[in-house]
Amino acid sequence: MTGKIKGSELTHQLDNVLNELRLSPTERQLYLLSLSTGPLSVSDLAKRLGVQRPYLYTVIKSLREKGLAPGQGPHYQKTFIVEPPSVILSLLRKRRTILDGLASEVVADMPKYLATYKQGGLKTQVLFYEGRDKFVELYNLILEEEAQETVYFGEVKHFFTLLEEKRVQEWIRRRIEKKVTIRTLMIDDPLAHTIPTDKALYRETKVMPSDLSKSFPSSFQVFGKSLIFWQPHTPAAVVLKDEYIADLHRGIFDLLWKLGREI
């Protein structure tokens, strides 16, 4: 059984919600005051809020336009009262629907936005991911920021054992759906031969001689304008969001790709 929430805590919580709905400080104060007192005259409200009546009328008009106060009836109203808090919940749900729609559009077009972004002299952004839950976020980020091709170099087990099999298959399905090609250049071992080149799956695979494994103890992956370094011994990864470093490693990958053997 949850404990009771104090009135002051409820007021603070509701004030935060109203702030998220982009209400001004005076609009929030008026709503909370009217909510707690019930119908009051505009003159009384103005006195309690310490504002002039003409200004308060503009605040009341704004609350009505935002759906938080009833519209003025056919006759002159001597008192003012706001809509119940249930209306706030409806407005929040409407806002969430709009934001979710915008987020989906931005995610779909993120590679296009990143293609036009020029880093210039901005510092490199370094992100650290640790644990399987964070890896899910990272895998999702790859598909959000890459529209054409991601490249991976290293041992195959690092790439396919970081997540559960079903999550890996879901990621592959989404990658194919987005038509994002993956080129993988891996140290030669039996597991690498289970994922040969397959144009239908938007996948190209090459292997390097197994005796090179000691020369490349870690793995890296390039996507969008970012670079991932996969830690080989613990579930951890470092992401460098830097277009210059990403381009450098993509160039290194292309040179090594010429030395690989297709499977």
Protein backbone atom coordinates (compact mmCIF):
# COMPACT_ATOMS: atom_id res chain seq x y z
CA MET A 1 0.00 0.00 0.00
CA THR A 2 1.49 3.32 -1.02
CA GLY A 3 1.66 6.20 1.44
CA LYS A 4 -0.37 9.35 1.10
CA ILE A 5 1.12 12.19 -0.88
CA LYS A 6 1.08 15.54 0.90
CA GLY A 7 -0.82 18.42 -0.65
CA SER A 8 2.35 20.45 -1.19
CA GLU A 9 3.93 17.52 -3.04
CA LEU A 10 0.84 17.16 -5.23
CA THR A 11 0.92 20.88 -6.01
CA HIS A 12 4.62 20.70 -6.89
CA GLN A 13 4.02 17.64 -9.08
CA LEU A 14 1.12 19.29 -10.88
CA ASP A 15 3.13 22.47 -11.34
CA ASN A 16 5.86 20.44 -13.07
CA VAL A 17 3.26 18.87 -15.37
CA LEU A 18 1.83 22.30 -16.26
CA ASN A 19 5.35 23.50 -16.98
CA GLU A 20 5.80 20.59 -19.40
CA LEU A 21 2.61 21.78 -21.13
CA ARG A 22 4.39 25.11 -21.67
CA LEU A 23 2.29 27.19 -19.28
CA SER A 24 3.83 30.44 -18.05
CA PRO A 25 4.47 30.89 -14.31
CA THR A 26 1.37 33.11 -13.93
CA GLU A 27 -0.78 30.65 -15.89
CA ARG A 28 0.37 27.85 -13.59
CA GLN A 29 -0.26 29.95 -10.48
CA LEU A 30 -3.76 30.84 -11.66
CA TYR A 31 -4.62 27.23 -12.49
CA LEU A 32 -3.37 25.91 -9.13
CA LEU A 33 -5.08 28.69 -7.21
CA SER A 34 -8.43 28.20 -8.95
CA LEU A 35 -8.12 24.44 -8.55
CA SER A 36 -7.76 24.77 -4.78
CA THR A 37 -10.31 27.54 -4.16
CA GLY A 38 -13.04 26.82 -6.67
CA PRO A 39 -15.00 29.64 -8.40
CA LEU A 40 -13.75 33.12 -7.56
CA SER A 41 -14.25 36.54 -9.05
CA VAL A 42 -11.55 37.92 -11.32
CA SER A 43 -11.04 40.76 -8.83
CA ASP A 44 -10.43 38.30 -5.98
CA LEU A 45 -8.08 36.21 -8.12
CA ALA A 46 -6.12 39.29 -9.16
CA LYS A 47 -5.68 40.32 -5.51
CA ARG A 48 -4.53 36.85 -4.47
CA LEU A 49 -2.05 36.63 -7.33
CA GLY A 50 -0.88 40.22 -6.93
CA VAL A 51 -1.54 41.19 -10.55
CA GLN A 52 -3.72 43.77 -12.33
CA ARG A 53 -7.14 42.69 -13.61
CA PRO A 54 -6.45 43.58 -17.29
CA TYR A 55 -3.36 41.36 -17.24
CA LEU A 56 -5.26 38.55 -15.52
CA TYR A 57 -7.86 38.61 -18.30
CA THR A 58 -5.09 37.86 -20.81
CA VAL A 59 -3.93 34.95 -18.65
CA ILE A 60 -7.48 33.61 -18.44
CA LYS A 61 -7.81 33.90 -22.22
CA SER A 62 -4.58 31.91 -22.65
CA LEU A 63 -5.81 29.14 -20.33
CA ARG A 64 -9.03 28.92 -22.33
CA GLU A 65 -7.11 28.68 -25.59
CA LYS A 66 -5.04 25.86 -24.13
CA GLY A 67 -8.15 23.98 -23.04
CA LEU A 68 -7.54 24.42 -19.31
CA ALA A 69 -10.48 26.73 -18.62
CA PRO A 70 -14.08 26.66 -19.88
CA GLY A 71 -14.95 29.02 -22.67
CA GLN A 72 -16.95 32.08 -21.76
CA GLY A 73 -20.71 31.44 -21.96
CA PRO A 74 -23.31 33.57 -23.73
CA HIS A 75 -23.81 35.66 -20.59
CA TYR A 76 -21.24 37.62 -18.59
CA GLN A 77 -19.58 35.35 -16.02
CA LYS A 78 -18.90 36.83 -12.61
CA THR A 79 -16.62 34.01 -11.50
CA PHE A 80 -13.82 32.00 -12.99
CA ILE A 81 -12.84 28.35 -12.52
CA VAL A 82 -10.43 26.03 -14.34
CA GLU A 83 -11.06 22.62 -15.90
CA PRO A 84 -10.46 19.55 -13.67
CA PRO A 85 -7.04 17.83 -13.60
CA SER A 86 -8.40 15.03 -15.80
CA VAL A 87 -8.20 17.50 -18.69
CA ILE A 88 -4.46 17.83 -18.02
CA LEU A 89 -4.09 14.08 -18.46
CA SER A 90 -5.88 14.27 -21.81
CA LEU A 91 -3.62 17.09 -22.94
CA LEU A 92 -0.54 15.12 -21.86
CA ARG A 93 -1.66 12.09 -23.83
CA LYS A 94 -2.32 14.25 -26.88
CA ARG A 95 1.12 15.83 -26.51
CA ARG A 96 2.73 12.39 -26.16
CA THR A 97 1.02 11.21 -29.35
CA ILE A 98 2.33 14.24 -31.22
CA LEU A 99 5.85 13.84 -29.82
CA ASP A 100 5.89 10.10 -30.55
CA GLY A 101 4.92 10.86 -34.15
CA LEU A 102 7.62 13.50 -34.46
CA ALA A 103 10.19 11.17 -32.86
CA SER A 104 9.37 8.45 -35.38
CA GLU A 105 9.84 10.90 -38.24
CA VAL A 106 13.14 12.18 -36.84
CA VAL A 107 14.46 8.63 -36.28
CA ALA A 108 13.54 7.70 -39.86
CA ASP A 109 15.33 10.75 -41.26
CA MET A 110 18.25 10.86 -38.79
CA PRO A 111 20.83 9.60 -41.34
CA LYS A 112 19.82 12.47 -43.66
CA TYR A 113 20.21 15.01 -40.85
CA LEU A 114 23.61 13.59 -39.91
CA ALA A 115 24.71 13.66 -43.56
CA THR A 116 24.28 17.45 -43.58
CA TYR A 117 25.92 17.95 -40.17
CA LYS A 118 29.45 19.33 -40.19
CA GLN A 119 31.42 18.83 -37.00
CA GLY A 120 33.94 21.56 -37.64
CA GLY A 121 36.06 22.23 -34.56
CA LEU A 122 33.70 20.65 -32.05
CA LYS A 123 35.24 18.22 -29.59
CA THR A 124 34.85 14.47 -29.92
CA GLN A 125 31.93 13.07 -27.93
CA VAL A 126 32.86 9.91 -26.01
CA LEU A 127 30.14 7.53 -24.85
CA PHE A 128 30.61 4.38 -22.76
CA TYR A 129 28.26 1.41 -22.96
CA GLU A 130 28.44 -1.47 -20.50
CA GLY A 131 26.09 -4.43 -20.10
CA ARG A 132 23.65 -6.13 -22.42
CA ASP A 133 20.84 -3.63 -21.86
CA LYS A 134 23.12 -0.81 -22.97
CA PHE A 135 24.21 -2.86 -25.96
CA VAL A 136 20.59 -2.99 -27.10
CA GLU A 137 20.62 0.83 -27.09
CA LEU A 138 23.87 0.83 -29.03
CA TYR A 139 22.62 -1.60 -31.69
CA ASN A 140 19.50 0.55 -32.09
CA LEU A 141 21.71 3.63 -32.43
CA ILE A 142 23.57 2.03 -35.33
CA LEU A 143 20.37 1.67 -37.34
CA GLU A 144 19.10 5.10 -36.33
CA GLU A 145 22.21 6.90 -37.58
CA GLU A 146 23.25 4.78 -40.57
CA ALA A 147 21.31 4.80 -43.86
CA GLN A 148 23.66 2.95 -46.22
CA GLU A 149 26.46 0.83 -44.81
CA THR A 150 28.10 -0.10 -41.52
CA VAL A 151 31.46 -1.88 -41.45
CA TYR A 152 32.79 -4.23 -38.78
CA PHE A 153 36.33 -5.50 -38.26
CA GLY A 154 37.38 -8.09 -35.70
CA GLU A 155 36.40 -11.46 -34.36
CA VAL A 156 32.97 -12.74 -35.23
CA LYS A 157 32.23 -13.91 -31.69
CA HIS A 158 32.50 -10.34 -30.39
CA PHE A 159 29.75 -9.20 -32.73
CA PHE A 160 27.32 -12.08 -32.35
CA THR A 161 27.72 -13.01 -28.68
CA LEU A 162 27.14 -9.57 -27.19
CA LEU A 163 23.36 -9.98 -27.39
CA GLU A 164 20.89 -12.81 -27.08
CA GLU A 165 20.28 -14.68 -30.33
CA LYS A 166 16.71 -13.40 -30.69
CA ARG A 167 17.88 -9.79 -30.31
CA VAL A 168 20.59 -10.32 -32.90
CA GLN A 169 18.05 -11.76 -35.34
CA GLU A 170 15.69 -8.85 -34.69
CA TRP A 171 18.52 -6.40 -35.36
CA ILE A 172 19.36 -8.20 -38.62
CA ARG A 173 15.70 -8.10 -39.65
CA ARG A 174 15.49 -4.36 -39.02
CA ARG A 175 18.79 -3.76 -40.84
CA ILE A 176 17.50 -5.62 -43.90
CA GLU A 177 14.21 -3.74 -43.70
CA LYS A 178 16.13 -0.44 -43.79
CA LYS A 179 18.39 -1.83 -46.56
CA VAL A 180 21.52 -1.05 -44.58
CA THR A 181 24.44 -3.12 -45.86
CA ILE A 182 26.99 -4.56 -43.45
CA ARG A 183 30.51 -5.44 -44.51
CA THR A 184 32.25 -7.68 -42.01
CA LEU A 185 35.98 -8.38 -42.14
CA MET A 186 36.70 -11.07 -39.59
CA ILE A 187 39.54 -13.16 -38.30
CA ASP A 188 39.16 -16.54 -40.01
CA ASP A 189 37.52 -19.16 -37.83
CA PRO A 190 34.64 -21.68 -38.27
CA LEU A 191 32.03 -19.27 -36.86
CA ALA A 192 32.88 -16.66 -39.50
CA HIS A 193 32.04 -19.17 -42.23
CA THR A 194 28.45 -19.42 -40.94
CA ILE A 195 27.71 -15.91 -42.20
CA PRO A 196 28.98 -15.83 -45.81
CA THR A 197 28.30 -13.05 -48.30
CA ASP A 198 24.61 -12.85 -49.10
CA LYS A 199 23.38 -9.97 -51.28
CA ALA A 200 19.76 -10.71 -50.40
CA LEU A 201 20.61 -10.09 -46.75
CA TYR A 202 22.63 -6.95 -47.57
CA ARG A 203 25.74 -8.64 -46.19
CA GLU A 204 29.30 -8.96 -47.47
CA THR A 205 31.81 -11.06 -45.57
CA LYS A 206 35.55 -11.50 -45.89
CA VAL A 207 38.08 -13.16 -43.60
CA MET A 208 41.66 -12.38 -42.66
CA PRO A 209 44.26 -15.05 -41.86
CA SER A 210 43.79 -16.44 -38.34
CA ASP A 211 47.44 -15.74 -37.47
CA LEU A 212 46.59 -12.03 -37.49
CA SER A 213 44.34 -12.38 -34.44
CA LYS A 214 47.16 -11.43 -32.07
CA SER A 215 47.74 -8.25 -34.06
CA PHE A 216 44.11 -7.19 -33.67
CA PRO A 217 43.00 -8.03 -30.12
CA SER A 218 39.92 -5.81 -30.26
CA SER A 219 37.18 -5.02 -32.78
CA PHE A 220 35.80 -1.83 -34.24
CA GLN A 221 32.72 -0.82 -36.16
CA VAL A 222 31.91 2.34 -38.12
CA PHE A 223 28.42 3.68 -38.62
CA GLY A 224 27.18 7.13 -39.60
CA LYS A 225 29.74 9.55 -38.22
CA SER A 226 30.64 7.39 -35.24
CA LEU A 227 33.12 4.67 -34.32
CA ILE A 228 32.67 1.80 -31.86
CA PHE A 229 35.50 0.00 -30.11
CA TRP A 230 34.27 -3.34 -28.77
CA GLN A 231 36.06 -4.53 -25.61
CA PRO A 232 36.98 -8.23 -26.18
CA HIS A 233 36.91 -9.52 -22.61
CA THR A 234 33.99 -7.72 -20.95
CA PRO A 235 30.60 -6.56 -22.26
CA ALA A 236 31.70 -2.99 -22.82
CA ALA A 237 32.08 -0.64 -25.75
CA VAL A 238 33.37 2.88 -26.31
CA VAL A 239 31.71 5.08 -28.93
CA LEU A 240 33.50 8.07 -30.45
CA LYS A 241 31.10 10.45 -32.16
CA ASP A 242 33.57 12.18 -34.45
CA GLU A 243 33.24 12.29 -38.25
CA TYR A 244 37.00 12.60 -38.80
CA ILE A 245 37.90 9.58 -36.66
CA ALA A 246 35.03 7.63 -38.21
CA ASP A 247 36.21 8.47 -41.75
CA LEU A 248 39.79 7.50 -40.81
CA HIS A 249 38.74 4.05 -39.60
CA ARG A 250 36.45 3.54 -42.56
CA GLY A 251 39.50 4.21 -44.75
CA ILE A 252 41.59 1.75 -42.73
CA PHE A 253 38.82 -0.81 -43.09
CA ASP A 254 38.70 -0.32 -46.88
CA LEU A 255 42.47 -0.95 -47.12
CA LEU A 256 42.22 -4.13 -45.04
CA TRP A 257 39.13 -5.19 -47.02
CA LYS A 258 41.27 -5.49 -50.15
CA LEU A 259 43.47 -8.01 -48.33
CA GLY A 260 40.58 -10.17 -47.17
CA ARG A 261 39.24 -13.36 -48.74
CA GLU A 262 35.54 -13.55 -49.56
CA ILE A 263 33.49 -16.41 -48.16
